[in-house]
Amino acid sequence: MDNEIKGAIGTKKVHERATRSDKKIRVNITTTQDTHRKLKKLAISCNMSKTALAEDLIRMCVNHTDIIDWYQKQHNTEDEYRIIPILKDGKVYY
């Protein structure tokens, strides 16, 4: 879809870019020195970057029903925000 931008000089057509379905979203975390040291050693052991390993670990956690339930038992204080993970065809849905 084209949009027009009107300015002092004239009108210019601008093409809207489609959002990629595989677009990565940056998440910045701060860890303790101990956690950072362990992440670094595990990443080296797995021949991965720390960022790639952290992304894999997060992906595993948010897609594992037992881990989701454990975290919510530990930290969820509002039942109205509790997530109910559903495993369907090998994929976890919230």
Protein backbone atom coordinates (compact mmCIF):
# COMPACT_ATOMS: atom_id res chain seq x y z
CA MET A 1 0.00 0.00 0.00
CA ASP A 2 1.36 3.42 -0.88
CA ASN A 3 1.14 6.47 1.33
CA GLU A 4 1.79 10.01 0.30
CA ILE A 5 3.90 12.40 2.30
CA LYS A 6 3.15 16.06 1.60
CA GLY A 7 5.85 18.53 2.34
CA ALA A 8 6.99 22.01 1.43
CA ILE A 9 8.73 20.76 -1.71
CA GLY A 10 6.02 18.46 -3.01
CA THR A 11 4.34 15.09 -2.57
CA LYS A 12 6.30 11.85 -2.34
CA LYS A 13 4.94 8.30 -2.48
CA VAL A 14 6.21 6.02 0.26
CA HIS A 15 5.87 2.25 0.15
CA GLU A 16 4.92 0.57 3.42
CA ARG A 17 7.22 -2.30 4.24
CA ALA A 18 5.69 -5.57 5.38
CA THR A 19 6.79 -6.79 8.80
CA ARG A 20 8.78 -10.00 8.54
CA SER A 21 7.27 -12.97 10.35
CA ASP A 22 10.73 -14.04 11.51
CA LYS A 23 11.80 -10.58 12.70
CA LYS A 24 13.99 -10.71 15.81
CA ILE A 25 13.14 -8.54 18.81
CA ARG A 26 15.98 -7.32 20.99
CA VAL A 27 15.76 -8.10 24.72
CA ASN A 28 18.45 -6.67 26.94
CA ILE A 29 19.15 -8.46 30.20
CA THR A 30 21.46 -7.82 33.10
CA THR A 31 22.90 -10.83 34.88
CA THR A 32 25.04 -11.49 37.90
CA GLN A 33 28.71 -12.17 37.29
CA ASP A 34 28.14 -15.81 38.25
CA THR A 35 25.32 -16.24 35.72
CA HIS A 36 27.34 -14.50 33.03
CA ARG A 37 30.34 -16.73 33.70
CA LYS A 38 28.18 -19.86 33.47
CA LEU A 39 26.46 -18.65 30.29
CA LYS A 40 29.83 -17.90 28.72
CA LYS A 41 31.27 -21.33 29.61
CA LEU A 42 28.16 -23.17 28.40
CA ALA A 43 28.13 -21.15 25.16
CA ILE A 44 31.78 -22.03 24.51
CA SER A 45 31.06 -25.68 25.30
CA CYS A 46 28.14 -25.67 22.82
CA ASN A 47 30.09 -23.71 20.19
CA MET A 48 27.51 -20.92 20.27
CA SER A 49 27.53 -17.24 21.05
CA LYS A 50 26.16 -16.20 24.44
CA THR A 51 23.30 -14.41 22.68
CA ALA A 52 22.33 -17.47 20.63
CA LEU A 53 22.46 -19.69 23.71
CA ALA A 54 20.38 -17.26 25.78
CA GLU A 55 17.81 -17.06 22.97
CA ASP A 56 17.62 -20.88 22.80
CA LEU A 57 17.21 -21.12 26.57
CA ILE A 58 14.41 -18.53 26.58
CA ARG A 59 12.67 -20.25 23.65
CA MET A 60 12.87 -23.58 25.49
CA CYS A 61 11.47 -22.09 28.70
CA VAL A 62 8.49 -20.29 27.17
CA ASN A 63 7.58 -23.43 25.19
CA HIS A 64 7.81 -25.97 28.02
CA THR A 65 4.58 -26.37 29.98
CA ASP A 66 6.30 -27.64 33.15
CA ILE A 67 8.70 -24.68 33.26
CA ILE A 68 5.84 -22.23 32.65
CA ASP A 69 3.83 -23.80 35.49
CA TRP A 70 6.84 -23.78 37.83
CA TYR A 71 7.54 -20.08 37.21
CA GLN A 72 3.92 -19.17 37.74
CA LYS A 73 3.77 -21.15 41.01
CA GLN A 74 6.86 -19.26 42.16
CA HIS A 75 6.02 -15.75 40.98
CA ASN A 76 2.41 -15.32 39.84
CA THR A 77 0.42 -13.28 42.36
CA GLU A 78 -2.64 -12.44 40.25
CA ASP A 79 -4.78 -15.37 39.10
CA GLU A 80 -6.38 -13.23 36.38
CA TYR A 81 -2.98 -13.01 34.63
CA ARG A 82 -2.16 -16.72 34.96
CA ILE A 83 -1.24 -18.31 31.64
CA ILE A 84 -2.63 -21.71 30.78
CA PRO A 85 -0.25 -23.36 28.34
CA ILE A 86 -1.86 -25.81 25.93
CA LEU A 87 0.19 -28.38 24.05
CA LYS A 88 -1.37 -29.04 20.63
CA ASP A 89 0.30 -30.87 17.76
CA GLY A 90 3.70 -30.56 19.50
CA LYS A 91 3.44 -26.79 19.88
CA VAL A 92 2.68 -24.76 23.01
CA TYR A 93 -0.05 -22.13 22.86
CA TYR A 94 -1.04 -19.64 25.58
